[in-house]
Amino acid sequence: ECYVQNTAREYARIYAAEAEPLEGFGEVPEIIPIFLVHRPANNIPYATVEEELVGEFVKYSVRDGKEVNFLRKDSEAGQKCCAFQHWVYEKTSGSLLITDLQGVGMKLTDVGIATVAKGYKGFKGNCSVSFIEQFRALHQCNQYCEMLGLKSLRSTLQKQRKATSIKSKTLPNSSTVKKTVPKKAREPRDFIPSEH
């Protein structure tokens, strides 16, 4: 849990360094740190500790990618979280996605990470690769994606689908091509020649 959140936090730090200087971007989402505490005298010797977030707790993105959340789409924090996901996806060439973004305002906690391959950069993630596929299919770019100069995932996805469909279609060779006679030249099936 600590490794996931603190890895995501490092991506958020780099994202902030790129986004904050952009004119009109404003405040950037921050993933708060989480710490592992050893308590040897306790029944449960390890615990995690993090800053208490006070206010309305909102899920801006969910692990399964299917939940519709209007606060995600319509709020500044939600749009910036979506742009952050897109930024991470692009920076890692589609190999890693930070998901389950939630928190109070721009302070986020309890995030998840999905990776295309187990062990990507030594990190196995804690979410299924299907979250990356769902993100790629469902993400809608917003003004913050545009400010960051991110490429639309729609056009990328369409190009991938076209390439896949072209590869899956095999062109027949000349020996397997059936020759067809144009409809006008064919005789009706029930035609019976007469003697006249």
N, C-alpha and C. Protein backbone atom coordinates (compact mmCIF):
# COMPACT_ATOMS: atom_id res chain seq x y z
N GLU A 1 0.83 -1.20 0.00
CA GLU A 1 0.00 0.00 0.00
C GLU A 1 0.87 1.26 0.00
N CYS A 2 1.89 1.27 0.84
CA CYS A 2 2.80 2.42 0.90
C CYS A 2 3.56 2.57 -0.43
N TYR A 3 4.03 1.44 -0.95
CA TYR A 3 4.80 1.49 -2.19
C TYR A 3 3.95 2.00 -3.35
N VAL A 4 2.70 1.53 -3.44
CA VAL A 4 1.79 1.97 -4.50
C VAL A 4 1.56 3.47 -4.40
N GLN A 5 1.16 3.92 -3.23
CA GLN A 5 0.82 5.34 -3.07
C GLN A 5 2.04 6.24 -3.25
N ASN A 6 3.17 5.83 -2.73
CA ASN A 6 4.35 6.67 -2.85
C ASN A 6 4.94 6.65 -4.26
N THR A 7 4.74 5.56 -5.01
CA THR A 7 5.13 5.53 -6.43
C THR A 7 4.24 6.50 -7.20
N ALA A 8 2.93 6.44 -6.96
CA ALA A 8 1.99 7.36 -7.61
C ALA A 8 2.32 8.80 -7.24
N ARG A 9 2.72 9.00 -6.01
CA ARG A 9 3.08 10.34 -5.53
C ARG A 9 4.27 10.91 -6.31
N GLU A 10 5.22 10.06 -6.63
CA GLU A 10 6.38 10.50 -7.41
C GLU A 10 5.95 10.92 -8.82
N TYR A 11 5.06 10.16 -9.44
CA TYR A 11 4.53 10.56 -10.76
C TYR A 11 3.80 11.90 -10.64
N ALA A 12 3.03 12.08 -9.58
CA ALA A 12 2.28 13.33 -9.37
C ALA A 12 3.23 14.51 -9.20
N ARG A 13 4.37 14.29 -8.56
CA ARG A 13 5.36 15.36 -8.37
C ARG A 13 5.91 15.81 -9.72
N ILE A 14 6.23 14.87 -10.60
CA ILE A 14 6.76 15.20 -11.93
C ILE A 14 5.68 15.89 -12.77
N TYR A 15 4.45 15.38 -12.67
CA TYR A 15 3.29 15.99 -13.36
C TYR A 15 3.13 17.45 -12.93
N ALA A 16 3.21 17.71 -11.64
CA ALA A 16 3.07 19.07 -11.11
C ALA A 16 4.15 19.99 -11.68
N ALA A 17 5.37 19.48 -11.78
CA ALA A 17 6.47 20.28 -12.31
C ALA A 17 6.22 20.69 -13.76
N GLU A 18 5.52 19.84 -14.53
CA GLU A 18 5.19 20.17 -15.91
C GLU A 18 3.95 21.04 -16.02
N ALA A 19 2.95 20.78 -15.17
CA ALA A 19 1.66 21.46 -15.29
C ALA A 19 1.62 22.84 -14.66
N GLU A 20 2.22 23.01 -13.49
CA GLU A 20 2.12 24.29 -12.76
C GLU A 20 2.59 25.50 -13.56
N PRO A 21 3.68 25.42 -14.34
CA PRO A 21 4.12 26.60 -15.08
C PRO A 21 3.19 26.98 -16.25
N LEU A 22 2.29 26.09 -16.65
CA LEU A 22 1.41 26.37 -17.79
C LEU A 22 0.41 27.46 -17.43
N GLU A 23 0.29 28.44 -18.30
CA GLU A 23 -0.63 29.55 -18.05
C GLU A 23 -2.07 29.05 -17.95
N GLY A 24 -2.71 29.40 -16.85
CA GLY A 24 -4.12 29.03 -16.65
C GLY A 24 -4.35 27.65 -16.07
N PHE A 25 -3.29 26.86 -15.86
CA PHE A 25 -3.50 25.50 -15.34
C PHE A 25 -3.92 25.54 -13.88
N GLY A 26 -3.25 26.34 -13.08
CA GLY A 26 -3.62 26.47 -11.67
C GLY A 26 -3.11 25.33 -10.81
N GLU A 27 -3.87 25.08 -9.73
CA GLU A 27 -3.48 24.06 -8.74
C GLU A 27 -3.47 22.67 -9.35
N VAL A 28 -2.55 21.85 -8.88
CA VAL A 28 -2.36 20.50 -9.41
C VAL A 28 -2.69 19.47 -8.33
N PRO A 29 -3.33 18.35 -8.70
CA PRO A 29 -3.61 17.31 -7.70
C PRO A 29 -2.33 16.82 -7.02
N GLU A 30 -2.44 16.55 -5.74
CA GLU A 30 -1.31 16.06 -4.96
C GLU A 30 -1.72 14.74 -4.30
N ILE A 31 -0.87 13.75 -4.40
CA ILE A 31 -1.11 12.48 -3.70
C ILE A 31 -0.34 12.57 -2.39
N ILE A 32 -1.08 12.46 -1.29
CA ILE A 32 -0.44 12.64 0.02
C ILE A 32 0.43 11.43 0.36
N PRO A 33 1.48 11.63 1.14
CA PRO A 33 2.34 10.50 1.50
C PRO A 33 1.66 9.58 2.51
N ILE A 34 2.08 8.34 2.47
CA ILE A 34 1.59 7.35 3.44
C ILE A 34 2.83 6.69 4.05
N PHE A 35 2.78 6.44 5.35
CA PHE A 35 3.94 5.91 6.06
C PHE A 35 3.59 4.60 6.74
N LEU A 36 4.55 3.70 6.76
CA LEU A 36 4.40 2.42 7.45
C LEU A 36 5.02 2.58 8.84
N VAL A 37 4.23 2.24 9.86
CA VAL A 37 4.68 2.39 11.24
C VAL A 37 4.79 1.00 11.87
N HIS A 38 5.91 0.75 12.53
CA HIS A 38 6.11 -0.52 13.23
C HIS A 38 5.76 -0.33 14.69
N ARG A 39 4.82 -1.17 15.17
CA ARG A 39 4.38 -1.10 16.58
C ARG A 39 4.57 -2.48 17.20
N PRO A 40 5.77 -2.83 17.64
CA PRO A 40 6.07 -4.19 18.09
C PRO A 40 5.24 -4.65 19.29
N ALA A 41 4.78 -3.76 20.13
CA ALA A 41 4.01 -4.16 21.32
C ALA A 41 2.52 -4.37 21.01
N ASN A 42 2.09 -4.10 19.80
CA ASN A 42 0.69 -4.18 19.43
C ASN A 42 0.36 -5.54 18.80
N ASN A 43 -0.92 -5.97 18.90
CA ASN A 43 -1.37 -7.23 18.26
C ASN A 43 -1.12 -7.19 16.75
N ILE A 44 -1.34 -6.03 16.16
CA ILE A 44 -1.07 -5.83 14.73
C ILE A 44 0.17 -4.94 14.68
N PRO A 45 1.35 -5.54 14.42
CA PRO A 45 2.60 -4.80 14.58
C PRO A 45 2.87 -3.71 13.53
N TYR A 46 2.11 -3.71 12.42
CA TYR A 46 2.34 -2.70 11.39
C TYR A 46 1.04 -1.96 11.08
N ALA A 47 1.18 -0.68 10.82
CA ALA A 47 0.02 0.14 10.46
C ALA A 47 0.50 1.22 9.50
N THR A 48 -0.45 1.77 8.74
CA THR A 48 -0.11 2.89 7.87
C THR A 48 -0.70 4.16 8.46
N VAL A 49 0.00 5.25 8.26
CA VAL A 49 -0.42 6.54 8.79
C VAL A 49 -0.33 7.56 7.66
N GLU A 50 -1.36 8.40 7.57
CA GLU A 50 -1.33 9.48 6.59
C GLU A 50 -2.10 10.68 7.12
N GLU A 51 -1.96 11.78 6.45
CA GLU A 51 -2.65 13.01 6.82
C GLU A 51 -4.16 12.80 6.78
N GLU A 52 -4.88 13.37 7.74
CA GLU A 52 -6.34 13.30 7.73
C GLU A 52 -6.87 14.34 6.74
N LEU A 53 -7.73 13.89 5.84
CA LEU A 53 -8.33 14.80 4.87
C LEU A 53 -9.71 15.19 5.36
N VAL A 54 -9.93 16.49 5.53
CA VAL A 54 -11.20 16.99 6.05
C VAL A 54 -11.97 17.65 4.92
N GLY A 55 -13.23 17.24 4.76
CA GLY A 55 -14.08 17.80 3.71
C GLY A 55 -14.80 16.69 2.98
N GLU A 56 -15.40 17.05 1.84
CA GLU A 56 -16.15 16.05 1.06
C GLU A 56 -15.18 15.14 0.31
N PHE A 57 -15.26 13.84 0.60
CA PHE A 57 -14.40 12.85 -0.03
C PHE A 57 -15.05 12.42 -1.35
N VAL A 58 -14.31 12.57 -2.45
CA VAL A 58 -14.86 12.29 -3.78
C VAL A 58 -13.97 11.29 -4.51
N LYS A 59 -14.59 10.34 -5.22
CA LYS A 59 -13.85 9.43 -6.09
C LYS A 59 -13.86 10.03 -7.49
N TYR A 60 -12.68 10.44 -7.95
CA TYR A 60 -12.56 11.05 -9.28
C TYR A 60 -12.36 10.00 -10.36
N SER A 61 -11.78 8.88 -10.02
CA SER A 61 -11.67 7.76 -10.95
C SER A 61 -11.75 6.50 -10.10
N VAL A 62 -12.34 5.48 -10.66
CA VAL A 62 -12.52 4.25 -9.90
C VAL A 62 -11.72 3.13 -10.53
N ARG A 63 -11.49 2.11 -9.76
CA ARG A 63 -10.63 1.01 -10.23
C ARG A 63 -11.16 0.32 -11.46
N ASP A 64 -12.49 0.13 -11.56
CA ASP A 64 -12.98 -0.63 -12.71
C ASP A 64 -13.26 0.24 -13.92
N GLY A 65 -13.14 1.57 -13.77
CA GLY A 65 -13.29 2.46 -14.91
C GLY A 65 -14.69 2.59 -15.45
N LYS A 66 -15.68 1.91 -14.85
CA LYS A 66 -17.03 1.91 -15.41
C LYS A 66 -17.97 2.89 -14.73
N GLU A 67 -17.69 3.24 -13.50
CA GLU A 67 -18.60 4.09 -12.74
C GLU A 67 -18.63 5.50 -13.33
N VAL A 68 -19.84 6.03 -13.55
CA VAL A 68 -19.97 7.39 -14.06
C VAL A 68 -20.02 8.31 -12.86
N ASN A 69 -19.14 9.28 -12.85
CA ASN A 69 -19.07 10.22 -11.73
C ASN A 69 -19.04 11.63 -12.28
N PHE A 70 -20.15 12.37 -12.09
CA PHE A 70 -20.24 13.70 -12.65
C PHE A 70 -19.26 14.67 -12.00
N LEU A 71 -18.91 14.44 -10.73
CA LEU A 71 -17.91 15.29 -10.09
C LEU A 71 -16.55 15.10 -10.76
N ARG A 72 -16.34 13.93 -11.31
CA ARG A 72 -15.10 13.67 -12.03
C ARG A 72 -15.06 14.51 -13.31
N LYS A 73 -16.14 14.48 -14.06
CA LYS A 73 -16.18 15.18 -15.33
C LYS A 73 -16.35 16.68 -15.19
N ASP A 74 -17.15 17.11 -14.24
CA ASP A 74 -17.55 18.50 -14.16
C ASP A 74 -16.72 19.35 -13.22
N SER A 75 -15.97 18.76 -12.32
CA SER A 75 -15.19 19.57 -11.37
C SER A 75 -13.78 19.78 -11.90
N GLU A 76 -13.17 20.85 -11.46
CA GLU A 76 -11.78 21.14 -11.84
C GLU A 76 -10.86 20.02 -11.36
N ALA A 77 -11.06 19.59 -10.11
CA ALA A 77 -10.21 18.52 -9.56
C ALA A 77 -10.38 17.24 -10.36
N GLY A 78 -11.62 16.92 -10.71
CA GLY A 78 -11.89 15.71 -11.49
C GLY A 78 -11.24 15.74 -12.86
N GLN A 79 -11.34 16.88 -13.54
CA GLN A 79 -10.74 17.01 -14.87
C GLN A 79 -9.22 16.94 -14.79
N LYS A 80 -8.65 17.54 -13.74
CA LYS A 80 -7.20 17.50 -13.58
C LYS A 80 -6.70 16.09 -13.23
N CYS A 81 -7.53 15.35 -12.50
CA CYS A 81 -7.18 13.95 -12.20
C CYS A 81 -7.19 13.11 -13.48
N CYS A 82 -8.20 13.33 -14.32
CA CYS A 82 -8.28 12.61 -15.60
C CYS A 82 -7.09 12.96 -16.48
N ALA A 83 -6.71 14.25 -16.51
CA ALA A 83 -5.55 14.67 -17.29
C ALA A 83 -4.27 14.05 -16.72
N PHE A 84 -4.20 13.94 -15.39
CA PHE A 84 -3.05 13.30 -14.75
C PHE A 84 -2.93 11.84 -15.19
N GLN A 85 -4.06 11.12 -15.18
CA GLN A 85 -4.05 9.73 -15.64
C GLN A 85 -3.55 9.65 -17.08
N HIS A 86 -4.07 10.52 -17.93
CA HIS A 86 -3.68 10.54 -19.35
C HIS A 86 -2.17 10.84 -19.47
N TRP A 87 -1.69 11.79 -18.69
CA TRP A 87 -0.28 12.16 -18.71
C TRP A 87 0.60 10.97 -18.33
N VAL A 88 0.25 10.26 -17.25
CA VAL A 88 1.02 9.10 -16.81
C VAL A 88 0.98 8.02 -17.89
N TYR A 89 -0.21 7.78 -18.45
CA TYR A 89 -0.36 6.78 -19.50
C TYR A 89 0.58 7.09 -20.67
N GLU A 90 0.60 8.37 -21.09
CA GLU A 90 1.45 8.76 -22.22
C GLU A 90 2.93 8.70 -21.85
N LYS A 91 3.30 9.17 -20.65
CA LYS A 91 4.71 9.19 -20.23
C LYS A 91 5.29 7.78 -20.13
N THR A 92 4.44 6.80 -19.83
CA THR A 92 4.92 5.42 -19.68
C THR A 92 4.62 4.59 -20.93
N SER A 93 4.29 5.26 -22.03
CA SER A 93 3.95 4.60 -23.30
C SER A 93 2.84 3.56 -23.12
N GLY A 94 1.88 3.87 -22.27
CA GLY A 94 0.73 2.99 -22.05
C GLY A 94 1.03 1.80 -21.17
N SER A 95 2.16 1.80 -20.48
CA SER A 95 2.56 0.66 -19.65
C SER A 95 2.05 0.74 -18.22
N LEU A 96 1.68 1.94 -17.76
CA LEU A 96 1.28 2.11 -16.36
C LEU A 96 0.14 3.12 -16.30
N LEU A 97 -0.79 2.89 -15.39
CA LEU A 97 -1.90 3.81 -15.18
C LEU A 97 -2.16 3.95 -13.69
N ILE A 98 -2.27 5.19 -13.23
CA ILE A 98 -2.65 5.43 -11.84
C ILE A 98 -4.16 5.56 -11.83
N THR A 99 -4.78 4.78 -11.00
CA THR A 99 -6.24 4.73 -10.99
C THR A 99 -6.77 4.86 -9.56
N ASP A 100 -8.07 4.85 -9.44
CA ASP A 100 -8.72 4.97 -8.13
C ASP A 100 -8.35 6.28 -7.45
N LEU A 101 -8.30 7.36 -8.24
CA LEU A 101 -7.96 8.67 -7.68
C LEU A 101 -9.14 9.18 -6.87
N GLN A 102 -8.88 9.49 -5.60
CA GLN A 102 -9.94 9.93 -4.70
C GLN A 102 -9.36 10.77 -3.58
N GLY A 103 -10.20 11.61 -3.03
CA GLY A 103 -9.71 12.45 -1.94
C GLY A 103 -10.59 13.65 -1.72
N VAL A 104 -10.02 14.68 -1.13
CA VAL A 104 -10.73 15.92 -0.82
C VAL A 104 -10.07 17.03 -1.62
N GLY A 105 -10.83 17.63 -2.52
CA GLY A 105 -10.26 18.66 -3.38
C GLY A 105 -9.11 18.11 -4.18
N MET A 106 -7.97 18.78 -4.09
CA MET A 106 -6.80 18.36 -4.87
C MET A 106 -5.87 17.42 -4.09
N LYS A 107 -6.25 17.05 -2.85
CA LYS A 107 -5.43 16.12 -2.07
C LYS A 107 -6.01 14.71 -2.22
N LEU A 108 -5.20 13.80 -2.75
CA LEU A 108 -5.65 12.46 -3.09
C LEU A 108 -4.97 11.41 -2.22
N THR A 109 -5.67 10.30 -2.03
CA THR A 109 -5.14 9.19 -1.24
C THR A 109 -5.70 7.86 -1.72
N ASP A 110 -5.13 6.77 -1.25
CA ASP A 110 -5.60 5.41 -1.50
C ASP A 110 -5.76 5.12 -2.99
N VAL A 111 -4.72 5.44 -3.76
CA VAL A 111 -4.74 5.24 -5.20
C VAL A 111 -4.35 3.81 -5.55
N GLY A 112 -4.58 3.46 -6.80
CA GLY A 112 -4.17 2.15 -7.31
C GLY A 112 -3.27 2.34 -8.51
N ILE A 113 -2.54 1.30 -8.86
CA ILE A 113 -1.70 1.33 -10.05
C ILE A 113 -1.90 0.04 -10.83
N ALA A 114 -2.13 0.20 -12.14
CA ALA A 114 -2.21 -0.95 -13.05
C ALA A 114 -1.02 -0.89 -13.98
N THR A 115 -0.42 -2.04 -14.26
CA THR A 115 0.70 -2.10 -15.20
C THR A 115 0.39 -3.13 -16.28
N VAL A 116 0.89 -2.87 -17.48
CA VAL A 116 0.66 -3.80 -18.60
C VAL A 116 1.38 -5.12 -18.33
N ALA A 117 2.62 -5.02 -17.86
CA ALA A 117 3.40 -6.24 -17.60
C ALA A 117 3.79 -6.28 -16.14
N LYS A 118 3.71 -7.47 -15.56
CA LYS A 118 4.16 -7.62 -14.18
C LYS A 118 5.64 -7.29 -14.13
N GLY A 119 6.01 -6.51 -13.14
CA GLY A 119 7.41 -6.15 -13.00
C GLY A 119 7.82 -4.96 -13.84
N TYR A 120 6.86 -4.20 -14.40
CA TYR A 120 7.21 -3.01 -15.16
C TYR A 120 8.04 -2.08 -14.28
N LYS A 121 9.29 -1.82 -14.69
CA LYS A 121 10.23 -1.00 -13.92
C LYS A 121 10.31 -1.46 -12.46
N GLY A 122 10.22 -2.77 -12.25
CA GLY A 122 10.33 -3.33 -10.91
C GLY A 122 9.05 -3.19 -10.09
N PHE A 123 7.97 -2.79 -10.74
CA PHE A 123 6.73 -2.54 -10.02
C PHE A 123 5.62 -3.41 -10.56
N LYS A 124 4.98 -4.19 -9.70
CA LYS A 124 3.95 -5.10 -10.20
C LYS A 124 2.55 -4.51 -10.20
N GLY A 125 2.32 -3.40 -9.51
CA GLY A 125 0.98 -2.80 -9.48
C GLY A 125 0.04 -3.59 -8.58
N ASN A 126 -1.14 -3.03 -8.36
CA ASN A 126 -2.13 -3.72 -7.54
C ASN A 126 -3.50 -3.75 -8.21
N CYS A 127 -3.55 -3.42 -9.50
CA CYS A 127 -4.80 -3.44 -10.25
C CYS A 127 -4.60 -4.22 -11.54
N SER A 128 -5.69 -4.72 -12.08
CA SER A 128 -5.64 -5.51 -13.31
C SER A 128 -5.29 -4.65 -14.51
N VAL A 129 -4.65 -5.26 -15.51
CA VAL A 129 -4.33 -4.57 -16.76
C VAL A 129 -5.60 -4.12 -17.48
N SER A 130 -6.74 -4.76 -17.18
CA SER A 130 -8.00 -4.37 -17.84
C SER A 130 -8.36 -2.92 -17.54
N PHE A 131 -7.86 -2.37 -16.43
CA PHE A 131 -8.14 -0.96 -16.11
C PHE A 131 -7.48 -0.05 -17.13
N ILE A 132 -6.32 -0.45 -17.63
CA ILE A 132 -5.63 0.33 -18.65
C ILE A 132 -6.44 0.31 -19.94
N GLU A 133 -6.92 -0.87 -20.31
CA GLU A 133 -7.73 -1.01 -21.53
C GLU A 133 -9.01 -0.18 -21.42
N GLN A 134 -9.66 -0.25 -20.26
CA GLN A 134 -10.89 0.53 -20.06
C GLN A 134 -10.61 2.02 -20.10
N PHE A 135 -9.51 2.44 -19.48
CA PHE A 135 -9.15 3.86 -19.51
C PHE A 135 -8.95 4.32 -20.94
N ARG A 136 -8.21 3.55 -21.70
CA ARG A 136 -7.92 3.90 -23.09
C ARG A 136 -9.22 4.04 -23.89
N ALA A 137 -10.18 3.18 -23.61
CA ALA A 137 -11.45 3.21 -24.35
C ALA A 137 -12.40 4.30 -23.85
N LEU A 138 -12.37 4.63 -22.56
CA LEU A 138 -13.36 5.54 -21.99
C LEU A 138 -12.88 6.98 -21.78
N HIS A 139 -11.58 7.20 -21.76
CA HIS A 139 -11.08 8.55 -21.44
C HIS A 139 -11.52 9.57 -22.49
N GLN A 140 -12.00 10.70 -22.00
CA GLN A 140 -12.33 11.83 -22.87
C GLN A 140 -11.42 12.98 -22.49
N CYS A 141 -10.64 13.44 -23.44
CA CYS A 141 -9.71 14.53 -23.17
C CYS A 141 -10.48 15.79 -22.76
N ASN A 142 -9.85 16.60 -21.94
CA ASN A 142 -10.44 17.86 -21.51
C ASN A 142 -9.42 18.97 -21.73
N GLN A 143 -9.75 20.18 -21.28
CA GLN A 143 -8.88 21.34 -21.51
C GLN A 143 -7.49 21.15 -20.91
N TYR A 144 -7.38 20.40 -19.81
CA TYR A 144 -6.08 20.21 -19.17
C TYR A 144 -5.21 19.24 -19.97
N CYS A 145 -5.84 18.25 -20.60
CA CYS A 145 -5.09 17.35 -21.50
C CYS A 145 -4.52 18.18 -22.65
N GLU A 146 -5.35 19.09 -23.17
CA GLU A 146 -4.92 19.95 -24.28
C GLU A 146 -3.78 20.87 -23.85
N MET A 147 -3.89 21.48 -22.65
CA MET A 147 -2.83 22.36 -22.16
C MET A 147 -1.50 21.63 -22.04
N LEU A 148 -1.57 20.34 -21.66
CA LEU A 148 -0.36 19.53 -21.51
C LEU A 148 0.16 18.99 -22.84
N GLY A 149 -0.62 19.21 -23.92
CA GLY A 149 -0.22 18.73 -25.24
C GLY A 149 -0.32 17.22 -25.39
N LEU A 150 -1.24 16.60 -24.66
CA LEU A 150 -1.39 15.14 -24.72
C LEU A 150 -2.13 14.73 -26.00
N LYS A 151 -1.74 13.60 -26.55
CA LYS A 151 -2.37 13.09 -27.77
C LYS A 151 -3.69 12.43 -27.41
N SER A 152 -4.69 12.63 -28.26
CA SER A 152 -6.00 12.02 -28.03
C SER A 152 -5.89 10.50 -28.05
N LEU A 153 -6.48 9.86 -27.07
CA LEU A 153 -6.48 8.39 -27.03
C LEU A 153 -7.48 7.82 -28.02
N ARG A 154 -8.47 8.59 -28.40
CA ARG A 154 -9.47 8.13 -29.37
C ARG A 154 -8.80 7.84 -30.71
N SER A 155 -7.99 8.77 -31.20
CA SER A 155 -7.34 8.56 -32.50
C SER A 155 -6.33 7.42 -32.40
N THR A 156 -5.63 7.32 -31.28
CA THR A 156 -4.67 6.23 -31.08
C THR A 156 -5.38 4.90 -31.07
N LEU A 157 -6.52 4.83 -30.37
CA LEU A 157 -7.30 3.59 -30.28
C LEU A 157 -7.85 3.22 -31.64
N GLN A 158 -8.35 4.21 -32.40
CA GLN A 158 -8.89 3.93 -33.73
C GLN A 158 -7.80 3.42 -34.66
N LYS A 159 -6.60 4.01 -34.59
CA LYS A 159 -5.48 3.55 -35.42
C LYS A 159 -5.12 2.11 -35.07
N GLN A 160 -5.12 1.79 -33.75
CA GLN A 160 -4.79 0.42 -33.33
C GLN A 160 -5.84 -0.56 -33.84
N ARG A 161 -7.11 -0.16 -33.77
CA ARG A 161 -8.19 -1.04 -34.25
C ARG A 161 -8.07 -1.28 -35.76
N LYS A 162 -7.78 -0.19 -36.53
CA LYS A 162 -7.64 -0.33 -37.98
C LYS A 162 -6.47 -1.25 -38.30
N ALA A 163 -5.35 -1.06 -37.62
CA ALA A 163 -4.17 -1.89 -37.87
C ALA A 163 -4.47 -3.35 -37.56
N THR A 164 -5.22 -3.59 -36.49
CA THR A 164 -5.58 -4.96 -36.10
C THR A 164 -6.51 -5.57 -37.14
N SER A 165 -7.50 -4.80 -37.61
CA SER A 165 -8.45 -5.35 -38.57
C SER A 165 -7.78 -5.61 -39.91
N ILE A 166 -6.82 -4.78 -40.31
CA ILE A 166 -6.11 -5.00 -41.57
C ILE A 166 -5.25 -6.25 -41.45
N LYS A 167 -4.58 -6.43 -40.31
CA LYS A 167 -3.74 -7.61 -40.10
C LYS A 167 -4.58 -8.88 -40.08
N SER A 168 -5.80 -8.79 -39.52
CA SER A 168 -6.62 -10.00 -39.39
C SER A 168 -7.26 -10.41 -40.71
N LYS A 169 -7.39 -9.47 -41.64
CA LYS A 169 -7.94 -9.81 -42.95
C LYS A 169 -6.81 -10.35 -43.81
N THR A 170 -6.99 -11.53 -44.35
CA THR A 170 -5.96 -12.08 -45.22
C THR A 170 -6.42 -11.91 -46.66
N LEU A 171 -5.50 -11.51 -47.47
CA LEU A 171 -5.84 -11.35 -48.87
C LEU A 171 -5.77 -12.71 -49.53
N PRO A 172 -6.83 -13.08 -50.30
CA PRO A 172 -6.81 -14.39 -50.95
C PRO A 172 -5.81 -14.38 -52.11
N ASN A 173 -5.21 -15.56 -52.35
CA ASN A 173 -4.32 -15.63 -53.50
C ASN A 173 -5.15 -15.99 -54.73
N SER A 174 -4.57 -15.90 -55.90
CA SER A 174 -5.34 -16.05 -57.14
C SER A 174 -5.97 -17.43 -57.29
N SER A 175 -5.40 -18.46 -56.69
CA SER A 175 -5.96 -19.80 -56.84
C SER A 175 -7.22 -20.00 -55.99
N THR A 176 -7.42 -19.16 -54.98
CA THR A 176 -8.61 -19.34 -54.14
C THR A 176 -9.71 -18.34 -54.45
N VAL A 177 -9.47 -17.44 -55.38
CA VAL A 177 -10.48 -16.44 -55.71
C VAL A 177 -11.55 -17.08 -56.58
N LYS A 178 -12.80 -16.92 -56.17
CA LYS A 178 -13.91 -17.42 -56.96
C LYS A 178 -14.27 -16.38 -58.00
N LYS A 179 -14.45 -16.82 -59.20
CA LYS A 179 -14.89 -15.89 -60.22
C LYS A 179 -16.41 -15.90 -60.21
N THR A 180 -16.96 -14.71 -60.24
CA THR A 180 -18.42 -14.61 -60.24
C THR A 180 -18.87 -13.96 -61.52
N VAL A 181 -20.03 -14.37 -61.94
CA VAL A 181 -20.62 -13.83 -63.15
C VAL A 181 -21.54 -12.70 -62.72
N PRO A 182 -21.50 -11.57 -63.39
CA PRO A 182 -22.40 -10.48 -63.04
C PRO A 182 -23.85 -10.93 -63.08
N LYS A 183 -24.72 -10.33 -62.24
CA LYS A 183 -26.12 -10.74 -62.12
C LYS A 183 -26.86 -10.70 -63.45
N LYS A 184 -26.59 -9.69 -64.29
CA LYS A 184 -27.31 -9.57 -65.56
C LYS A 184 -27.05 -10.76 -66.48
N ALA A 185 -25.90 -11.36 -66.41
CA ALA A 185 -25.54 -12.46 -67.29
C ALA A 185 -26.07 -13.79 -66.80
N ARG A 186 -26.47 -13.87 -65.55
CA ARG A 186 -26.98 -15.13 -65.00
C ARG A 186 -28.41 -15.39 -65.47
N GLU A 187 -28.73 -16.66 -65.60
CA GLU A 187 -30.10 -17.03 -65.94
C GLU A 187 -30.86 -17.26 -64.65
N PRO A 188 -32.16 -16.96 -64.65
CA PRO A 188 -32.94 -17.24 -63.45
C PRO A 188 -32.90 -18.72 -63.13
N ARG A 189 -32.96 -19.06 -61.87
CA ARG A 189 -32.86 -20.47 -61.44
C ARG A 189 -34.03 -21.32 -61.92
N ASP A 190 -35.18 -20.70 -61.99
CA ASP A 190 -36.34 -21.50 -62.38
C ASP A 190 -36.58 -21.45 -63.90
N PHE A 191 -35.61 -21.02 -64.67
CA PHE A 191 -35.75 -20.94 -66.11
C PHE A 191 -35.72 -22.33 -66.70
N ILE A 192 -36.72 -22.63 -67.49
CA ILE A 192 -36.80 -23.93 -68.17
C ILE A 192 -36.84 -23.63 -69.68
N PRO A 193 -35.83 -24.07 -70.38
CA PRO A 193 -35.81 -23.78 -71.81
C PRO A 193 -37.00 -24.46 -72.51
N SER A 194 -37.58 -23.76 -73.40
CA SER A 194 -38.70 -24.35 -74.14
C SER A 194 -38.23 -24.73 -75.55
N GLU A 195 -39.04 -25.48 -76.24
CA GLU A 195 -38.67 -25.93 -77.57
C GLU A 195 -38.97 -24.86 -78.62
N HIS A 196 -39.74 -23.85 -78.28
CA HIS A 196 -40.11 -22.86 -79.28
C HIS A 196 -38.95 -22.04 -79.67
